[in-house]
N, C-alpha and C. Protein backbone atom coordinates (compact mmCIF):
# COMPACT_ATOMS: atom_id res chain seq x y z
N MET A 1 3.29 17.65 11.46
CA MET A 1 3.95 16.56 11.92
C MET A 1 3.16 15.88 13.09
N PHE A 2 3.27 14.51 13.16
CA PHE A 2 2.51 13.80 14.24
C PHE A 2 3.48 13.44 15.39
N LYS A 3 3.73 14.43 16.24
CA LYS A 3 4.67 14.27 17.32
C LYS A 3 3.94 13.75 18.63
N LYS A 4 4.64 13.09 19.40
CA LYS A 4 4.02 12.58 20.69
C LYS A 4 4.85 13.02 21.88
N PRO A 5 4.53 14.02 22.61
CA PRO A 5 5.27 14.51 23.69
C PRO A 5 5.63 13.31 24.66
N GLY A 6 6.77 13.29 25.19
CA GLY A 6 7.18 12.21 26.09
C GLY A 6 7.60 10.93 25.47
N LYS A 7 7.48 10.78 24.19
CA LYS A 7 7.94 9.61 23.49
C LYS A 7 9.13 9.94 22.60
N GLN A 8 9.79 8.94 22.19
CA GLN A 8 10.93 9.13 21.29
C GLN A 8 10.44 9.77 20.03
N ASP A 9 11.21 10.86 19.59
CA ASP A 9 10.96 11.60 18.43
C ASP A 9 11.60 10.99 17.20
N PHE A 10 10.88 10.58 16.21
CA PHE A 10 11.47 10.00 14.94
C PHE A 10 11.51 10.96 13.86
N THR A 11 11.27 12.26 14.13
CA THR A 11 11.22 13.17 12.98
C THR A 11 12.44 13.23 12.19
N ASP A 12 13.65 13.25 12.83
CA ASP A 12 14.83 13.27 12.07
C ASP A 12 15.01 12.09 11.14
N ALA A 13 14.69 10.88 11.72
CA ALA A 13 14.88 9.68 10.93
C ALA A 13 13.86 9.65 9.73
N ARG A 14 12.70 10.27 10.00
CA ARG A 14 11.73 10.29 8.90
C ARG A 14 12.12 11.19 7.79
N LEU A 15 12.69 12.34 8.18
CA LEU A 15 13.11 13.34 7.16
C LEU A 15 14.35 12.78 6.39
N ARG A 16 15.24 12.12 7.13
CA ARG A 16 16.35 11.39 6.50
C ARG A 16 15.92 10.42 5.50
N MET A 17 14.89 9.65 5.86
CA MET A 17 14.35 8.62 4.92
C MET A 17 13.83 9.35 3.65
N VAL A 18 13.17 10.48 3.80
CA VAL A 18 12.57 11.07 2.67
C VAL A 18 13.69 11.69 1.74
N GLU A 19 14.66 12.31 2.33
CA GLU A 19 15.75 12.89 1.52
C GLU A 19 16.57 11.85 0.89
N SER A 20 16.95 10.68 1.63
CA SER A 20 17.92 9.83 1.14
C SER A 20 17.30 8.58 0.36
N ASP A 21 16.24 7.98 1.05
CA ASP A 21 15.76 6.80 0.33
C ASP A 21 14.63 7.01 -0.61
N LEU A 22 13.94 8.13 -0.54
CA LEU A 22 12.94 8.55 -1.50
C LEU A 22 13.38 9.48 -2.56
N LYS A 23 13.66 10.70 -2.14
CA LYS A 23 14.13 11.68 -3.16
C LYS A 23 15.43 11.31 -3.75
N GLY A 24 16.30 10.72 -2.95
CA GLY A 24 17.65 10.29 -3.42
C GLY A 24 17.55 9.10 -4.36
N ARG A 25 16.41 8.49 -4.47
CA ARG A 25 16.31 7.29 -5.40
C ARG A 25 15.22 7.62 -6.56
N GLY A 26 14.81 8.96 -6.63
CA GLY A 26 14.03 9.29 -7.79
C GLY A 26 12.66 9.57 -7.56
N ILE A 27 12.18 9.44 -6.33
CA ILE A 27 10.77 9.78 -6.03
C ILE A 27 10.65 11.40 -6.06
N SER A 28 9.80 11.82 -6.94
CA SER A 28 9.71 13.39 -7.21
C SER A 28 8.33 13.90 -7.06
N ASP A 29 7.27 13.12 -6.94
CA ASP A 29 5.90 13.73 -6.78
C ASP A 29 5.89 14.55 -5.48
N LYS A 30 5.52 15.74 -5.53
CA LYS A 30 5.63 16.62 -4.31
C LYS A 30 4.58 16.20 -3.30
N ARG A 31 3.41 15.85 -3.77
CA ARG A 31 2.34 15.34 -2.80
C ARG A 31 2.77 14.13 -2.11
N VAL A 32 3.30 13.17 -2.83
CA VAL A 32 3.85 11.98 -2.22
C VAL A 32 4.89 12.27 -1.12
N ILE A 33 5.83 13.08 -1.52
CA ILE A 33 6.97 13.36 -0.61
C ILE A 33 6.45 14.15 0.62
N GLU A 34 5.47 15.00 0.54
CA GLU A 34 4.91 15.74 1.63
C GLU A 34 4.28 14.72 2.65
N VAL A 35 3.50 13.77 2.05
CA VAL A 35 2.85 12.82 2.90
C VAL A 35 3.76 11.85 3.65
N PHE A 36 4.87 11.45 3.04
CA PHE A 36 5.75 10.65 3.65
C PHE A 36 6.51 11.40 4.68
N SER A 37 6.64 12.68 4.49
CA SER A 37 7.28 13.47 5.51
C SER A 37 6.47 13.63 6.81
N GLU A 38 5.23 13.38 6.74
CA GLU A 38 4.23 13.58 7.89
C GLU A 38 3.90 12.35 8.52
N ILE A 39 3.62 11.26 7.75
CA ILE A 39 3.04 10.03 8.38
C ILE A 39 4.10 9.30 9.14
N PRO A 40 3.91 9.05 10.49
CA PRO A 40 4.83 8.45 11.38
C PRO A 40 4.80 6.85 11.08
N ARG A 41 5.85 6.35 10.36
CA ARG A 41 5.85 5.01 10.08
C ARG A 41 6.02 4.13 11.35
N GLU A 42 6.66 4.75 12.40
CA GLU A 42 6.80 3.94 13.58
C GLU A 42 5.56 3.52 14.27
N GLU A 43 4.33 4.17 13.92
CA GLU A 43 3.11 3.74 14.44
C GLU A 43 2.56 2.50 13.81
N PHE A 44 3.25 2.02 12.77
CA PHE A 44 2.75 0.90 12.01
C PHE A 44 3.64 -0.34 12.04
N VAL A 45 4.64 -0.34 12.91
CA VAL A 45 5.43 -1.52 13.16
C VAL A 45 5.35 -1.96 14.52
N PRO A 46 5.64 -3.25 14.75
CA PRO A 46 5.59 -3.81 16.17
C PRO A 46 6.53 -2.97 17.10
N GLU A 47 6.21 -2.96 18.36
CA GLU A 47 6.86 -2.27 19.31
C GLU A 47 8.36 -2.57 19.38
N ASP A 48 8.75 -3.85 19.19
CA ASP A 48 10.08 -4.25 19.31
C ASP A 48 10.97 -3.86 18.10
N THR A 49 10.23 -3.34 16.98
CA THR A 49 11.09 -2.99 15.82
C THR A 49 10.93 -1.48 15.47
N LYS A 50 10.36 -0.64 16.42
CA LYS A 50 10.22 0.79 16.16
C LYS A 50 11.60 1.42 15.87
N GLU A 51 12.59 1.00 16.48
CA GLU A 51 13.94 1.59 16.26
C GLU A 51 14.38 1.49 14.80
N ARG A 52 13.76 0.39 14.15
CA ARG A 52 14.12 0.22 12.71
C ARG A 52 13.05 0.70 11.66
N ALA A 53 12.11 1.42 12.25
CA ALA A 53 10.99 1.87 11.45
C ALA A 53 11.32 2.55 10.14
N TYR A 54 12.45 3.27 10.10
CA TYR A 54 12.87 4.08 8.95
C TYR A 54 13.99 3.39 8.17
N PHE A 55 14.35 2.09 8.56
CA PHE A 55 15.26 1.27 7.73
C PHE A 55 14.69 1.03 6.41
N ASP A 56 15.46 1.10 5.41
CA ASP A 56 14.88 0.98 4.05
C ASP A 56 14.88 -0.42 3.61
N GLY A 57 14.00 -1.19 4.30
CA GLY A 57 13.84 -2.55 4.04
C GLY A 57 12.54 -3.06 4.69
N PRO A 58 12.05 -4.26 4.23
CA PRO A 58 10.85 -4.72 4.91
C PRO A 58 11.01 -5.16 6.38
N LEU A 59 9.97 -5.09 7.16
CA LEU A 59 9.93 -5.58 8.52
C LEU A 59 8.73 -6.41 8.79
N SER A 60 9.02 -7.46 9.58
CA SER A 60 7.90 -8.41 9.95
C SER A 60 6.80 -7.68 10.84
N ILE A 61 5.51 -7.99 10.48
CA ILE A 61 4.44 -7.44 11.28
C ILE A 61 3.57 -8.50 11.82
N GLY A 62 3.97 -9.80 11.75
CA GLY A 62 3.14 -10.93 12.21
C GLY A 62 2.37 -11.59 11.10
N GLU A 63 1.86 -12.77 11.42
CA GLU A 63 1.02 -13.54 10.45
C GLU A 63 1.84 -13.85 9.13
N GLY A 64 3.14 -13.83 9.20
CA GLY A 64 3.98 -14.13 8.02
C GLY A 64 3.97 -13.06 7.01
N GLN A 65 3.49 -11.76 7.49
CA GLN A 65 3.43 -10.66 6.51
C GLN A 65 4.50 -9.67 6.87
N THR A 66 4.68 -8.65 6.00
CA THR A 66 5.68 -7.63 6.22
C THR A 66 5.13 -6.21 5.84
N ILE A 67 5.69 -5.22 6.40
CA ILE A 67 5.59 -3.81 5.92
C ILE A 67 6.66 -3.61 4.97
N SER A 68 6.31 -3.20 3.71
CA SER A 68 7.33 -3.04 2.68
C SER A 68 8.24 -1.87 3.00
N GLN A 69 9.49 -1.94 2.31
CA GLN A 69 10.42 -0.89 2.60
C GLN A 69 9.93 0.42 2.05
N PRO A 70 10.30 1.60 2.76
CA PRO A 70 9.69 2.89 2.43
C PRO A 70 9.83 3.26 0.96
N TYR A 71 10.90 2.99 0.33
CA TYR A 71 11.05 3.31 -1.14
C TYR A 71 10.07 2.67 -1.97
N ILE A 72 9.73 1.36 -1.76
CA ILE A 72 8.80 0.63 -2.67
C ILE A 72 7.33 1.09 -2.31
N VAL A 73 7.05 1.47 -1.03
CA VAL A 73 5.67 2.02 -0.72
C VAL A 73 5.59 3.31 -1.56
N ALA A 74 6.61 4.27 -1.57
CA ALA A 74 6.57 5.47 -2.16
C ALA A 74 6.50 5.34 -3.68
N LEU A 75 7.25 4.35 -4.24
CA LEU A 75 7.26 4.06 -5.62
C LEU A 75 5.93 3.65 -6.16
N MET A 76 5.33 2.66 -5.44
CA MET A 76 4.01 2.20 -5.73
C MET A 76 2.99 3.35 -5.72
N THR A 77 3.03 4.20 -4.68
CA THR A 77 2.14 5.33 -4.58
C THR A 77 2.31 6.32 -5.70
N GLU A 78 3.55 6.53 -6.05
CA GLU A 78 3.79 7.57 -7.11
C GLU A 78 3.26 6.99 -8.53
N GLN A 79 3.49 5.71 -8.67
CA GLN A 79 3.08 5.08 -10.01
C GLN A 79 1.55 5.05 -10.05
N LEU A 80 0.89 5.11 -8.97
CA LEU A 80 -0.58 5.05 -8.97
C LEU A 80 -1.18 6.27 -9.55
N GLU A 81 -0.48 7.43 -9.47
CA GLU A 81 -0.89 8.69 -10.05
C GLU A 81 -2.25 9.07 -9.43
N VAL A 82 -2.38 9.16 -8.17
CA VAL A 82 -3.64 9.41 -7.49
C VAL A 82 -3.98 10.87 -7.55
N GLY A 83 -5.32 11.17 -7.56
CA GLY A 83 -5.78 12.49 -7.44
C GLY A 83 -6.68 12.67 -6.25
N GLY A 84 -6.97 13.91 -5.87
CA GLY A 84 -7.78 14.12 -4.62
C GLY A 84 -9.16 13.66 -4.58
N ASP A 85 -9.73 13.41 -5.79
CA ASP A 85 -11.10 12.87 -5.79
C ASP A 85 -11.20 11.35 -6.16
N ASP A 86 -10.02 10.71 -6.13
CA ASP A 86 -10.05 9.33 -6.45
C ASP A 86 -10.69 8.49 -5.34
N ILE A 87 -11.31 7.37 -5.81
CA ILE A 87 -11.68 6.23 -4.90
C ILE A 87 -10.73 5.08 -5.14
N VAL A 88 -10.00 4.67 -4.11
CA VAL A 88 -8.93 3.69 -4.19
C VAL A 88 -9.22 2.40 -3.50
N LEU A 89 -8.86 1.28 -4.11
CA LEU A 89 -8.91 -0.09 -3.45
C LEU A 89 -7.45 -0.51 -3.16
N GLU A 90 -7.17 -0.87 -1.96
CA GLU A 90 -5.85 -1.48 -1.61
C GLU A 90 -6.18 -2.98 -1.22
N VAL A 91 -5.55 -3.89 -1.83
CA VAL A 91 -5.71 -5.33 -1.58
C VAL A 91 -4.43 -5.71 -0.70
N GLY A 92 -4.59 -6.08 0.52
CA GLY A 92 -3.55 -6.38 1.36
C GLY A 92 -3.30 -5.28 2.37
N THR A 93 -4.13 -5.10 3.39
CA THR A 93 -4.05 -4.06 4.31
C THR A 93 -2.58 -4.03 5.03
N GLY A 94 -2.26 -5.22 5.51
CA GLY A 94 -1.04 -5.33 6.24
C GLY A 94 -0.92 -4.54 7.43
N SER A 95 0.07 -3.62 7.55
CA SER A 95 0.30 -2.78 8.63
C SER A 95 -0.62 -1.57 8.73
N GLY A 96 -1.13 -1.20 7.51
CA GLY A 96 -2.01 -0.02 7.47
C GLY A 96 -1.25 1.25 6.99
N TYR A 97 0.03 1.12 6.84
CA TYR A 97 0.85 2.32 6.52
C TYR A 97 0.48 2.78 5.05
N GLN A 98 0.41 1.95 4.14
CA GLN A 98 0.05 2.31 2.74
C GLN A 98 -1.35 2.92 2.81
N ALA A 99 -2.21 2.34 3.50
CA ALA A 99 -3.62 2.90 3.50
C ALA A 99 -3.64 4.31 4.12
N ALA A 100 -2.83 4.54 5.10
CA ALA A 100 -2.68 5.82 5.63
C ALA A 100 -2.10 6.87 4.67
N ILE A 101 -1.18 6.42 3.91
CA ILE A 101 -0.50 7.29 2.89
C ILE A 101 -1.57 7.60 1.89
N LEU A 102 -2.31 6.68 1.39
CA LEU A 102 -3.31 6.94 0.43
C LEU A 102 -4.43 7.74 0.98
N GLY A 103 -4.76 7.53 2.26
CA GLY A 103 -5.82 8.29 2.81
C GLY A 103 -5.58 9.81 2.83
N LYS A 104 -4.31 10.19 2.89
CA LYS A 104 -3.99 11.66 2.88
C LYS A 104 -3.98 12.15 1.45
N LEU A 105 -4.05 11.31 0.47
CA LEU A 105 -3.93 11.74 -0.90
C LEU A 105 -5.18 11.73 -1.79
N VAL A 106 -6.16 10.93 -1.35
CA VAL A 106 -7.37 10.70 -2.08
C VAL A 106 -8.64 10.94 -1.36
N LYS A 107 -9.79 10.76 -2.02
CA LYS A 107 -11.03 11.00 -1.35
C LYS A 107 -11.50 9.83 -0.47
N LYS A 108 -11.25 8.56 -0.96
CA LYS A 108 -11.65 7.53 -0.13
C LYS A 108 -10.86 6.26 -0.41
N VAL A 109 -10.45 5.47 0.63
CA VAL A 109 -9.70 4.30 0.44
C VAL A 109 -10.54 3.11 1.07
N TYR A 110 -10.60 2.06 0.24
CA TYR A 110 -11.14 0.82 0.71
C TYR A 110 -9.97 -0.24 0.79
N THR A 111 -9.79 -0.74 1.95
CA THR A 111 -8.65 -1.70 2.04
C THR A 111 -9.17 -3.09 2.68
N ILE A 112 -8.64 -4.21 2.15
CA ILE A 112 -9.13 -5.49 2.58
C ILE A 112 -7.89 -6.44 2.73
N ASP A 113 -8.03 -7.27 3.83
CA ASP A 113 -6.98 -8.23 4.18
C ASP A 113 -7.75 -9.45 4.74
N ARG A 114 -7.04 -10.58 4.54
CA ARG A 114 -7.64 -11.82 5.01
C ARG A 114 -7.30 -12.08 6.50
N PHE A 115 -6.41 -11.33 7.12
CA PHE A 115 -6.11 -11.46 8.51
C PHE A 115 -6.79 -10.42 9.36
N ALA A 116 -7.78 -10.92 10.21
CA ALA A 116 -8.59 -10.05 11.03
C ALA A 116 -7.70 -9.25 11.97
N SER A 117 -6.64 -9.90 12.60
CA SER A 117 -5.81 -9.40 13.55
C SER A 117 -4.98 -8.22 12.94
N LEU A 118 -4.47 -8.35 11.73
CA LEU A 118 -3.77 -7.22 11.10
C LEU A 118 -4.68 -6.15 10.75
N SER A 119 -5.91 -6.39 10.19
CA SER A 119 -6.82 -5.30 9.83
C SER A 119 -7.16 -4.60 11.05
N GLU A 120 -7.55 -5.18 12.19
CA GLU A 120 -7.86 -4.37 13.33
C GLU A 120 -6.74 -3.57 13.90
N ARG A 121 -5.54 -4.08 13.85
CA ARG A 121 -4.30 -3.27 14.27
C ARG A 121 -4.14 -2.14 13.44
N ALA A 122 -4.18 -2.36 12.07
CA ALA A 122 -4.10 -1.30 11.10
C ALA A 122 -5.11 -0.16 11.36
N LYS A 123 -6.40 -0.61 11.52
CA LYS A 123 -7.44 0.35 11.68
C LYS A 123 -7.16 1.28 12.94
N LYS A 124 -6.72 0.64 13.95
CA LYS A 124 -6.36 1.44 15.16
C LYS A 124 -5.32 2.52 14.88
N ALA A 125 -4.26 2.02 14.19
CA ALA A 125 -3.16 2.98 13.86
C ALA A 125 -3.53 4.06 12.90
N VAL A 126 -4.33 3.80 11.99
CA VAL A 126 -4.86 4.84 11.06
C VAL A 126 -5.83 5.90 11.70
N ASN A 127 -6.74 5.21 12.51
CA ASN A 127 -7.63 6.12 13.17
C ASN A 127 -6.95 7.00 14.27
N LYS A 128 -5.85 6.42 14.86
CA LYS A 128 -5.04 7.27 15.91
C LYS A 128 -4.56 8.51 15.25
N LEU A 129 -4.27 8.48 13.96
CA LEU A 129 -3.78 9.68 13.24
C LEU A 129 -4.87 10.64 12.73
N GLY A 130 -6.05 10.29 13.01
CA GLY A 130 -7.21 11.19 12.56
C GLY A 130 -7.54 11.03 11.10
N ILE A 131 -7.06 9.92 10.49
CA ILE A 131 -7.36 9.79 9.05
C ILE A 131 -8.70 8.95 9.01
N ASP A 132 -9.80 9.65 8.62
CA ASP A 132 -11.02 9.00 8.69
C ASP A 132 -11.74 8.59 7.42
N ASN A 133 -10.99 8.53 6.32
CA ASN A 133 -11.52 8.24 5.04
C ASN A 133 -11.12 6.86 4.56
N VAL A 134 -10.72 5.91 5.51
CA VAL A 134 -10.29 4.61 5.17
C VAL A 134 -11.28 3.54 5.68
N GLU A 135 -11.81 2.72 4.85
CA GLU A 135 -12.72 1.65 5.24
C GLU A 135 -12.08 0.32 5.21
N PHE A 136 -12.10 -0.38 6.36
CA PHE A 136 -11.40 -1.72 6.47
C PHE A 136 -12.42 -2.86 6.36
N LYS A 137 -11.92 -3.96 5.66
CA LYS A 137 -12.71 -5.06 5.59
C LYS A 137 -11.82 -6.30 5.62
N VAL A 138 -12.30 -7.42 6.16
CA VAL A 138 -11.59 -8.70 6.26
C VAL A 138 -12.25 -9.60 5.20
N GLY A 139 -11.41 -10.21 4.34
CA GLY A 139 -11.86 -11.13 3.38
C GLY A 139 -10.74 -11.41 2.31
N ASP A 140 -11.21 -12.15 1.29
CA ASP A 140 -10.36 -12.49 0.22
C ASP A 140 -10.28 -11.41 -0.92
N GLY A 141 -9.37 -10.51 -0.78
CA GLY A 141 -9.32 -9.39 -1.66
C GLY A 141 -8.92 -9.80 -3.12
N SER A 142 -8.44 -11.02 -3.29
CA SER A 142 -8.10 -11.47 -4.69
C SER A 142 -9.36 -11.65 -5.58
N CYS A 143 -10.43 -11.80 -4.87
CA CYS A 143 -11.76 -11.94 -5.54
C CYS A 143 -12.50 -10.65 -5.78
N GLY A 144 -11.86 -9.54 -5.46
CA GLY A 144 -12.50 -8.23 -5.59
C GLY A 144 -13.10 -7.79 -4.25
N TYR A 145 -13.58 -6.50 -4.27
CA TYR A 145 -14.11 -5.99 -3.09
C TYR A 145 -15.68 -6.21 -3.13
N PRO A 146 -16.28 -6.71 -2.00
CA PRO A 146 -17.68 -7.05 -1.93
C PRO A 146 -18.55 -5.90 -2.31
N GLY A 147 -19.58 -6.15 -3.10
CA GLY A 147 -20.55 -5.12 -3.57
C GLY A 147 -20.28 -4.67 -4.98
N ASP A 148 -20.92 -3.77 -5.44
CA ASP A 148 -20.86 -3.20 -6.84
C ASP A 148 -20.05 -1.95 -6.96
N LEU A 149 -19.07 -1.83 -6.16
CA LEU A 149 -18.20 -0.65 -6.26
C LEU A 149 -17.29 -0.69 -7.46
N GLU A 150 -16.97 0.44 -8.00
CA GLU A 150 -15.83 0.58 -8.97
C GLU A 150 -14.90 1.47 -8.43
N PHE A 151 -13.56 1.40 -8.89
CA PHE A 151 -12.53 2.20 -8.31
C PHE A 151 -11.68 2.88 -9.37
N ASP A 152 -11.20 4.08 -9.05
CA ASP A 152 -10.29 4.82 -9.97
C ASP A 152 -8.93 4.22 -10.00
N ARG A 153 -8.57 3.79 -8.83
CA ARG A 153 -7.19 3.28 -8.66
C ARG A 153 -7.19 2.03 -7.80
N MET A 154 -6.26 1.14 -8.05
CA MET A 154 -6.13 -0.08 -7.22
C MET A 154 -4.61 -0.37 -6.99
N MET A 155 -4.38 -0.89 -5.76
CA MET A 155 -2.97 -1.38 -5.48
C MET A 155 -3.06 -2.68 -4.81
N ILE A 156 -2.28 -3.65 -5.29
CA ILE A 156 -2.14 -4.94 -4.65
C ILE A 156 -0.90 -4.91 -4.01
N THR A 157 -0.79 -5.21 -2.64
CA THR A 157 0.50 -5.08 -1.89
C THR A 157 1.05 -6.45 -1.55
N ALA A 158 0.70 -7.50 -2.35
CA ALA A 158 1.28 -8.78 -2.20
C ALA A 158 1.36 -9.38 -3.61
N ALA A 159 2.24 -10.31 -3.87
CA ALA A 159 2.47 -10.88 -5.19
C ALA A 159 1.34 -11.67 -5.65
N VAL A 160 1.06 -11.48 -6.98
CA VAL A 160 0.09 -12.21 -7.66
C VAL A 160 0.70 -12.80 -8.99
N PRO A 161 0.19 -14.03 -9.34
CA PRO A 161 0.70 -14.61 -10.60
C PRO A 161 0.30 -13.86 -11.81
N SER A 162 -0.85 -13.16 -11.78
CA SER A 162 -1.34 -12.20 -12.81
C SER A 162 -2.36 -11.32 -12.17
N PHE A 163 -2.79 -10.36 -12.83
CA PHE A 163 -3.80 -9.45 -12.28
C PHE A 163 -5.14 -10.20 -12.23
N PRO A 164 -5.61 -10.34 -10.94
CA PRO A 164 -6.92 -11.09 -10.79
C PRO A 164 -8.07 -10.40 -11.57
N GLN A 165 -8.83 -11.27 -12.37
CA GLN A 165 -9.82 -10.73 -13.20
C GLN A 165 -10.97 -10.00 -12.49
N PRO A 166 -11.31 -10.48 -11.31
CA PRO A 166 -12.40 -9.72 -10.54
C PRO A 166 -11.91 -8.33 -10.20
N LEU A 167 -10.65 -8.15 -9.91
CA LEU A 167 -10.17 -6.83 -9.68
C LEU A 167 -10.17 -5.88 -10.95
N VAL A 168 -9.74 -6.51 -12.03
CA VAL A 168 -9.68 -5.79 -13.24
C VAL A 168 -11.16 -5.33 -13.73
N GLU A 169 -12.15 -6.07 -13.31
CA GLU A 169 -13.53 -5.84 -13.65
C GLU A 169 -14.03 -4.67 -12.82
N GLN A 170 -13.50 -4.49 -11.55
CA GLN A 170 -13.94 -3.48 -10.71
C GLN A 170 -13.13 -2.20 -10.93
N LEU A 171 -12.14 -2.15 -11.84
CA LEU A 171 -11.33 -0.92 -12.17
C LEU A 171 -12.03 -0.20 -13.17
N LYS A 172 -12.30 1.09 -12.98
CA LYS A 172 -12.94 1.92 -13.96
C LYS A 172 -12.11 1.95 -15.25
N GLU A 173 -12.74 2.24 -16.38
CA GLU A 173 -12.06 2.46 -17.61
C GLU A 173 -11.11 3.75 -17.46
N GLY A 174 -9.92 3.53 -17.87
CA GLY A 174 -8.87 4.60 -17.72
C GLY A 174 -8.22 4.55 -16.34
N GLY A 175 -8.69 3.61 -15.53
CA GLY A 175 -8.09 3.55 -14.13
C GLY A 175 -6.75 2.87 -14.14
N ILE A 176 -6.02 2.95 -13.06
CA ILE A 176 -4.68 2.46 -12.91
C ILE A 176 -4.67 1.46 -11.78
N ILE A 177 -3.94 0.35 -12.02
CA ILE A 177 -3.73 -0.69 -10.99
C ILE A 177 -2.25 -0.96 -10.93
N VAL A 178 -1.58 -1.06 -9.70
CA VAL A 178 -0.22 -1.31 -9.60
C VAL A 178 -0.11 -2.51 -8.64
N ALA A 179 0.75 -3.50 -9.08
CA ALA A 179 0.87 -4.73 -8.32
C ALA A 179 2.31 -5.47 -8.67
N PRO A 180 2.84 -6.23 -7.73
CA PRO A 180 4.03 -7.10 -7.97
C PRO A 180 3.37 -8.41 -8.68
N VAL A 181 3.74 -8.68 -9.91
CA VAL A 181 3.28 -9.72 -10.65
C VAL A 181 4.34 -10.70 -11.05
N GLY A 182 4.14 -11.98 -10.80
CA GLY A 182 5.22 -12.97 -11.16
C GLY A 182 5.14 -14.26 -10.41
N GLY A 183 6.31 -14.73 -9.89
CA GLY A 183 6.34 -15.98 -9.27
C GLY A 183 6.26 -15.85 -7.77
N ARG A 184 6.51 -17.01 -7.08
CA ARG A 184 6.44 -17.09 -5.65
C ARG A 184 7.55 -16.35 -4.97
N ILE A 185 8.68 -16.21 -5.56
CA ILE A 185 9.80 -15.69 -4.93
C ILE A 185 10.16 -14.21 -5.44
N VAL A 186 10.18 -14.04 -6.81
CA VAL A 186 10.49 -12.76 -7.33
C VAL A 186 9.43 -12.31 -8.27
N GLN A 187 9.21 -11.07 -8.39
CA GLN A 187 8.19 -10.47 -9.32
C GLN A 187 8.62 -9.25 -10.05
N ASN A 188 7.85 -8.76 -10.86
CA ASN A 188 8.02 -7.42 -11.52
C ASN A 188 6.93 -6.56 -11.00
N LEU A 189 7.23 -5.30 -10.62
CA LEU A 189 6.23 -4.37 -10.27
C LEU A 189 5.67 -3.86 -11.56
N ILE A 190 4.33 -4.07 -11.68
CA ILE A 190 3.67 -3.73 -13.02
C ILE A 190 2.61 -2.67 -12.81
N LYS A 191 2.50 -1.76 -13.71
CA LYS A 191 1.46 -0.75 -13.67
C LYS A 191 0.52 -1.01 -14.89
N GLY A 192 -0.67 -1.25 -14.54
CA GLY A 192 -1.63 -1.49 -15.68
C GLY A 192 -2.67 -0.33 -15.77
N ILE A 193 -3.00 0.03 -16.97
CA ILE A 193 -4.03 0.99 -17.25
C ILE A 193 -5.08 0.40 -18.13
N LYS A 194 -6.35 0.49 -17.60
CA LYS A 194 -7.50 -0.19 -18.20
C LYS A 194 -7.97 0.59 -19.46
N LYS A 195 -7.86 -0.15 -20.63
CA LYS A 195 -8.27 0.48 -21.81
C LYS A 195 -9.09 -0.58 -22.57
N ASP A 196 -10.34 -0.19 -22.92
CA ASP A 196 -11.20 -1.10 -23.64
C ASP A 196 -11.39 -2.43 -22.92
N SER A 197 -11.53 -2.40 -21.60
CA SER A 197 -11.77 -3.47 -20.72
C SER A 197 -10.63 -4.40 -20.43
N ALA A 198 -9.41 -4.06 -20.98
CA ALA A 198 -8.26 -4.83 -20.88
C ALA A 198 -7.11 -3.91 -20.24
N LEU A 199 -6.05 -4.51 -19.76
CA LEU A 199 -4.99 -3.77 -19.16
C LEU A 199 -3.75 -3.62 -20.06
N GLU A 200 -3.40 -2.32 -20.29
CA GLU A 200 -2.12 -1.99 -20.97
C GLU A 200 -1.11 -2.01 -19.90
N GLN A 201 -0.11 -2.92 -19.94
CA GLN A 201 0.87 -3.05 -18.78
C GLN A 201 2.17 -2.53 -19.13
N LYS A 202 2.85 -2.05 -18.02
CA LYS A 202 4.23 -1.48 -18.09
C LYS A 202 5.04 -2.00 -16.89
N SER A 203 6.18 -2.59 -17.08
CA SER A 203 7.00 -3.09 -16.04
C SER A 203 7.88 -1.93 -15.49
N ILE A 204 7.86 -1.81 -14.17
CA ILE A 204 8.54 -0.80 -13.47
C ILE A 204 9.90 -1.17 -12.95
N CYS A 205 10.00 -2.29 -12.17
CA CYS A 205 11.19 -2.83 -11.73
C CYS A 205 11.00 -4.16 -11.05
N GLY A 206 12.07 -4.83 -10.75
CA GLY A 206 11.96 -6.13 -10.01
C GLY A 206 11.78 -5.92 -8.58
N VAL A 207 10.92 -6.80 -7.98
CA VAL A 207 10.66 -6.69 -6.52
C VAL A 207 10.49 -8.12 -5.94
N ARG A 208 10.35 -8.15 -4.61
CA ARG A 208 10.06 -9.33 -3.91
C ARG A 208 9.01 -9.04 -2.81
N PHE A 209 7.91 -9.75 -2.93
CA PHE A 209 6.75 -9.59 -2.02
C PHE A 209 6.26 -10.86 -1.48
N VAL A 210 5.72 -10.89 -0.41
CA VAL A 210 4.99 -12.10 0.08
C VAL A 210 3.83 -12.38 -0.88
N ARG A 211 3.38 -13.62 -0.93
CA ARG A 211 2.30 -14.02 -1.83
C ARG A 211 1.00 -13.57 -1.37
N LEU A 212 0.08 -13.23 -2.42
CA LEU A 212 -1.35 -12.95 -2.06
C LEU A 212 -2.08 -14.22 -2.11
N ILE A 213 -2.42 -14.78 -0.88
CA ILE A 213 -3.06 -15.98 -0.66
C ILE A 213 -4.65 -15.73 -0.93
N GLY A 214 -5.17 -16.51 -1.80
CA GLY A 214 -6.61 -16.29 -2.11
C GLY A 214 -7.06 -17.06 -3.39
N GLU A 215 -8.29 -17.13 -3.63
CA GLU A 215 -8.84 -17.88 -4.72
C GLU A 215 -8.26 -17.43 -6.03
N CYS A 216 -8.10 -16.06 -6.25
CA CYS A 216 -7.62 -15.61 -7.51
C CYS A 216 -6.12 -14.98 -7.34
N GLY A 217 -5.44 -15.48 -6.28
CA GLY A 217 -4.07 -15.17 -6.03
C GLY A 217 -3.23 -16.35 -6.22
N PHE A 218 -2.56 -16.86 -5.18
CA PHE A 218 -1.84 -18.07 -5.26
C PHE A 218 -2.55 -19.21 -4.66
N GLY A 219 -3.82 -19.08 -4.51
CA GLY A 219 -4.62 -20.10 -3.93
C GLY A 219 -4.49 -20.20 -2.42
N TYR A 220 -5.08 -21.26 -1.83
CA TYR A 220 -4.94 -21.41 -0.42
C TYR A 220 -3.98 -22.50 -0.05
């Protein structure tokens, strides 16, 4: 557990979240549950909202962005089916909470966000926990990650009208991508598995995310 002597202890709230909001709603992957039991979500929300860190709903983190509700973060993580040797791309760093979760589950995480302020704050929060396998970058993640990298898994943490083709191209054959796909207000959480250079898609549930702003997202 990541405890801080002299500061408010959120352990009980975190374990309640895991039992009620995650396991109680069907999250069953033991590795996912273990990590959510350990990572202190309060480190990834603004100071004035720490008391609501384990509320099962989104919270504002500035720049018009949010940290998603714990259940949705867990659901997307579980649907990604990550393994310990996976290289993962996260598009939309936001608070850094999802990157921290993934960092404890996989070999390497690359995360990109268009807001330098959010990226820097997320990096500090992740590094503070001693998670050293997350690489941060500022840029338009809808156009893919710079360079010739390929990824075993991808997660888009903002809404897209469809899976951006540059990301599909960087996903390895047999790889999995999870994203909220749909309109500006409501979307479906979609799991795509790359087969023969195309995505075999499965709808998981209805969701509401902020839009992914970018050339291959909802534009600028």
